[in-house]
Amino acid sequence: MVAHVPEVGAPDPELRTSPILDEDEELSTDEELEAGVCYFNNSSYAIGQYVLTGSELLQCQERGVWVRAGEMRPDENLPSAPASVARG
């Protein structure tokens, strides 16, 4: 399957961007997030969608957080999601 991954640039600290976590990192319990979308520089993305920031691939996960899903060059096709990312 060939999919286009939006290139979103670097996060702008003045714009709304959902937290970005590593695959094995968990959101701290003091952060109250329950969103059906993720935000990156004020743009919203559906749960399960991928974006590319530089060479870093992010996937929007449940609760509206970005999870690092690996790296890819902007001219590559979307890779298969690693099992750890697919599990959510």
N, C-alpha and C. Protein backbone atom coordinates (compact mmCIF):
# COMPACT_ATOMS: atom_id res chain seq x y z
N MET A 1 0.85 -1.17 0.00
CA MET A 1 0.00 0.00 0.00
C MET A 1 0.89 1.24 0.00
N VAL A 2 0.59 2.18 -0.87
CA VAL A 2 1.32 3.43 -0.92
C VAL A 2 0.45 4.50 -0.26
N ALA A 3 1.01 5.18 0.69
CA ALA A 3 0.26 6.22 1.40
C ALA A 3 1.11 7.48 1.47
N HIS A 4 0.44 8.61 1.38
CA HIS A 4 1.14 9.88 1.52
C HIS A 4 1.17 10.26 2.99
N VAL A 5 2.35 10.57 3.48
CA VAL A 5 2.51 10.99 4.86
C VAL A 5 2.76 12.50 4.85
N PRO A 6 1.87 13.28 5.48
CA PRO A 6 2.06 14.72 5.48
C PRO A 6 3.36 15.11 6.17
N GLU A 7 4.09 16.03 5.56
CA GLU A 7 5.29 16.60 6.19
C GLU A 7 4.84 17.84 6.93
N VAL A 8 5.04 17.84 8.26
CA VAL A 8 4.49 18.91 9.09
C VAL A 8 5.52 19.90 9.61
N GLY A 9 6.80 19.66 9.34
CA GLY A 9 7.84 20.57 9.82
C GLY A 9 8.10 20.36 11.31
N ALA A 10 8.76 21.33 11.91
CA ALA A 10 9.10 21.25 13.33
C ALA A 10 7.94 21.79 14.17
N PRO A 11 7.77 21.27 15.39
CA PRO A 11 6.72 21.80 16.26
C PRO A 11 7.00 23.26 16.61
N ASP A 12 5.98 24.09 16.50
CA ASP A 12 6.07 25.50 16.88
C ASP A 12 5.55 25.62 18.30
N PRO A 13 6.37 26.06 19.25
CA PRO A 13 5.92 26.12 20.65
C PRO A 13 4.76 27.07 20.88
N GLU A 14 4.48 27.96 19.94
CA GLU A 14 3.37 28.90 20.10
C GLU A 14 2.06 28.35 19.54
N LEU A 15 2.12 27.19 18.87
CA LEU A 15 0.93 26.57 18.31
C LEU A 15 0.61 25.29 19.06
N ARG A 16 -0.64 24.84 18.97
CA ARG A 16 -1.08 23.63 19.69
C ARG A 16 -0.50 22.39 19.04
N THR A 17 0.25 21.63 19.82
CA THR A 17 0.81 20.35 19.39
C THR A 17 0.63 19.36 20.54
N SER A 18 0.06 18.20 20.23
CA SER A 18 -0.13 17.16 21.24
C SER A 18 1.22 16.63 21.71
N PRO A 19 1.26 16.05 22.92
CA PRO A 19 2.53 15.49 23.43
C PRO A 19 3.10 14.44 22.47
N ILE A 20 4.43 14.38 22.39
CA ILE A 20 5.13 13.40 21.56
C ILE A 20 5.89 12.46 22.49
N LEU A 21 5.57 11.17 22.41
CA LEU A 21 6.16 10.17 23.29
C LEU A 21 6.97 9.16 22.50
N ASP A 22 7.94 8.53 23.18
CA ASP A 22 8.65 7.39 22.61
C ASP A 22 7.73 6.18 22.69
N GLU A 23 8.03 5.13 21.90
CA GLU A 23 7.21 3.92 21.87
C GLU A 23 6.97 3.34 23.26
N ASP A 24 8.00 3.31 24.10
CA ASP A 24 7.90 2.67 25.41
C ASP A 24 7.55 3.65 26.53
N GLU A 25 7.32 4.90 26.19
CA GLU A 25 7.02 5.92 27.19
C GLU A 25 5.51 6.00 27.41
N GLU A 26 5.11 6.23 28.65
CA GLU A 26 3.69 6.37 28.95
C GLU A 26 3.42 7.79 29.40
N LEU A 27 2.22 8.26 29.11
CA LEU A 27 1.80 9.59 29.50
C LEU A 27 1.67 9.63 31.02
N SER A 28 2.20 10.67 31.63
CA SER A 28 2.10 10.78 33.09
C SER A 28 0.65 10.96 33.49
N THR A 29 0.30 10.45 34.64
CA THR A 29 -1.09 10.48 35.09
C THR A 29 -1.58 11.89 35.40
N ASP A 30 -0.67 12.85 35.60
CA ASP A 30 -1.13 14.20 35.88
C ASP A 30 -1.53 14.96 34.62
N GLU A 31 -1.26 14.38 33.46
CA GLU A 31 -1.68 15.02 32.21
C GLU A 31 -3.04 14.46 31.82
N GLU A 32 -4.05 15.31 31.88
CA GLU A 32 -5.42 14.91 31.59
C GLU A 32 -5.70 15.12 30.11
N LEU A 33 -5.48 14.10 29.31
CA LEU A 33 -5.74 14.19 27.88
C LEU A 33 -6.76 13.15 27.48
N GLU A 34 -7.77 13.56 26.83
CA GLU A 34 -8.73 12.64 26.23
C GLU A 34 -9.22 13.32 24.98
N ALA A 35 -8.53 13.11 23.90
CA ALA A 35 -8.91 13.73 22.64
C ALA A 35 -9.06 12.65 21.58
N GLY A 36 -9.97 12.88 20.65
CA GLY A 36 -10.18 11.95 19.56
C GLY A 36 -9.29 12.25 18.37
N VAL A 37 -8.41 13.24 18.52
CA VAL A 37 -7.48 13.64 17.45
C VAL A 37 -6.16 14.05 18.08
N CYS A 38 -5.13 14.15 17.26
CA CYS A 38 -3.85 14.72 17.68
C CYS A 38 -3.70 16.06 16.97
N TYR A 39 -2.99 16.96 17.58
CA TYR A 39 -2.71 18.26 16.97
C TYR A 39 -1.22 18.39 16.70
N PHE A 40 -0.91 19.03 15.59
CA PHE A 40 0.47 19.38 15.27
C PHE A 40 0.42 20.75 14.62
N ASN A 41 0.98 21.74 15.32
CA ASN A 41 0.99 23.13 14.86
C ASN A 41 -0.42 23.61 14.47
N ASN A 42 -1.37 23.35 15.35
CA ASN A 42 -2.77 23.77 15.22
C ASN A 42 -3.57 23.00 14.17
N SER A 43 -2.98 22.02 13.50
CA SER A 43 -3.73 21.18 12.56
C SER A 43 -4.09 19.88 13.26
N SER A 44 -5.30 19.37 13.01
CA SER A 44 -5.73 18.14 13.67
C SER A 44 -5.56 16.94 12.73
N TYR A 45 -5.27 15.79 13.34
CA TYR A 45 -5.04 14.54 12.61
C TYR A 45 -5.79 13.42 13.33
N ALA A 46 -6.37 12.51 12.57
CA ALA A 46 -7.16 11.42 13.11
C ALA A 46 -6.28 10.38 13.83
N ILE A 47 -6.89 9.68 14.78
CA ILE A 47 -6.21 8.57 15.45
C ILE A 47 -5.77 7.57 14.37
N GLY A 48 -4.52 7.13 14.46
CA GLY A 48 -3.97 6.18 13.50
C GLY A 48 -3.19 6.82 12.37
N GLN A 49 -3.36 8.13 12.17
CA GLN A 49 -2.68 8.81 11.07
C GLN A 49 -1.21 9.04 11.40
N TYR A 50 -0.38 9.01 10.36
CA TYR A 50 1.05 9.27 10.49
C TYR A 50 1.36 10.67 9.96
N VAL A 51 2.38 11.31 10.55
CA VAL A 51 2.95 12.55 10.01
C VAL A 51 4.46 12.43 10.08
N LEU A 52 5.12 13.25 9.28
CA LEU A 52 6.57 13.26 9.22
C LEU A 52 7.06 14.62 9.64
N THR A 53 7.90 14.65 10.69
CA THR A 53 8.51 15.89 11.14
C THR A 53 10.02 15.71 10.97
N GLY A 54 10.57 16.34 9.95
CA GLY A 54 11.96 16.06 9.57
C GLY A 54 12.01 14.64 9.04
N SER A 55 12.85 13.78 9.64
CA SER A 55 12.89 12.37 9.23
C SER A 55 12.18 11.48 10.26
N GLU A 56 11.56 12.09 11.26
CA GLU A 56 10.91 11.33 12.33
C GLU A 56 9.43 11.08 11.99
N LEU A 57 9.04 9.81 12.02
CA LEU A 57 7.68 9.39 11.74
C LEU A 57 6.91 9.30 13.04
N LEU A 58 5.77 10.00 13.12
CA LEU A 58 4.92 9.99 14.30
C LEU A 58 3.57 9.40 13.95
N GLN A 59 2.97 8.65 14.89
CA GLN A 59 1.63 8.13 14.69
C GLN A 59 0.72 8.67 15.79
N CYS A 60 -0.45 9.14 15.40
CA CYS A 60 -1.45 9.62 16.36
C CYS A 60 -2.08 8.41 17.03
N GLN A 61 -2.01 8.37 18.36
CA GLN A 61 -2.52 7.24 19.13
C GLN A 61 -3.69 7.68 19.99
N GLU A 62 -4.33 6.70 20.63
CA GLU A 62 -5.46 6.96 21.52
C GLU A 62 -5.10 8.04 22.54
N ARG A 63 -6.09 8.75 22.98
CA ARG A 63 -5.97 9.86 23.93
C ARG A 63 -5.36 11.10 23.30
N GLY A 64 -5.07 11.07 21.99
CA GLY A 64 -4.58 12.26 21.31
C GLY A 64 -3.12 12.56 21.58
N VAL A 65 -2.27 11.54 21.58
CA VAL A 65 -0.83 11.75 21.74
C VAL A 65 -0.10 11.18 20.53
N TRP A 66 1.01 11.80 20.18
CA TRP A 66 1.89 11.30 19.12
C TRP A 66 2.86 10.29 19.70
N VAL A 67 3.10 9.20 18.98
CA VAL A 67 4.08 8.20 19.39
C VAL A 67 5.09 8.06 18.26
N ARG A 68 6.37 8.13 18.62
CA ARG A 68 7.43 7.97 17.61
C ARG A 68 7.36 6.55 17.03
N ALA A 69 7.27 6.47 15.70
CA ALA A 69 7.12 5.18 15.04
C ALA A 69 8.32 4.83 14.19
N GLY A 70 9.38 5.62 14.26
CA GLY A 70 10.58 5.33 13.49
C GLY A 70 11.02 6.54 12.70
N GLU A 71 11.87 6.26 11.72
CA GLU A 71 12.39 7.32 10.86
C GLU A 71 12.22 6.92 9.42
N MET A 72 12.06 7.91 8.57
CA MET A 72 12.03 7.67 7.14
C MET A 72 12.37 8.96 6.42
N ARG A 73 12.85 8.81 5.20
CA ARG A 73 13.13 9.99 4.38
C ARG A 73 11.82 10.49 3.81
N PRO A 74 11.69 11.79 3.60
CA PRO A 74 10.44 12.33 3.07
C PRO A 74 10.01 11.72 1.73
N ASP A 75 10.93 11.17 0.93
CA ASP A 75 10.57 10.61 -0.36
C ASP A 75 10.25 9.11 -0.31
N GLU A 76 10.25 8.50 0.88
CA GLU A 76 9.92 7.08 1.03
C GLU A 76 8.41 6.90 1.17
N ASN A 77 7.93 5.69 0.88
CA ASN A 77 6.54 5.34 1.12
C ASN A 77 6.37 4.98 2.59
N LEU A 78 5.15 5.03 3.06
CA LEU A 78 4.84 4.70 4.45
C LEU A 78 5.22 3.26 4.73
N PRO A 79 6.08 3.01 5.73
CA PRO A 79 6.44 1.63 6.06
C PRO A 79 5.32 0.97 6.84
N SER A 80 5.39 -0.33 6.93
CA SER A 80 4.45 -1.04 7.80
C SER A 80 4.73 -0.62 9.23
N ALA A 81 3.67 -0.43 10.00
CA ALA A 81 3.84 -0.02 11.39
C ALA A 81 4.45 -1.16 12.18
N PRO A 82 5.44 -0.87 13.02
CA PRO A 82 6.01 -1.92 13.88
C PRO A 82 4.92 -2.49 14.79
N ALA A 83 5.05 -3.74 15.19
CA ALA A 83 4.06 -4.40 16.01
C ALA A 83 3.77 -3.61 17.28
N SER A 84 4.81 -3.02 17.88
CA SER A 84 4.61 -2.27 19.12
C SER A 84 3.76 -1.04 18.90
N VAL A 85 3.83 -0.43 17.71
CA VAL A 85 3.02 0.75 17.41
C VAL A 85 1.61 0.32 17.07
N ALA A 86 1.46 -0.77 16.33
CA ALA A 86 0.14 -1.24 15.91
C ALA A 86 -0.71 -1.64 17.11
N ARG A 87 -0.08 -2.11 18.19
CA ARG A 87 -0.81 -2.52 19.38
C ARG A 87 -1.45 -1.34 20.08
N GLY A 88 -0.90 -0.14 19.89
CA GLY A 88 -1.47 1.06 20.49
C GLY A 88 -1.04 1.20 21.85
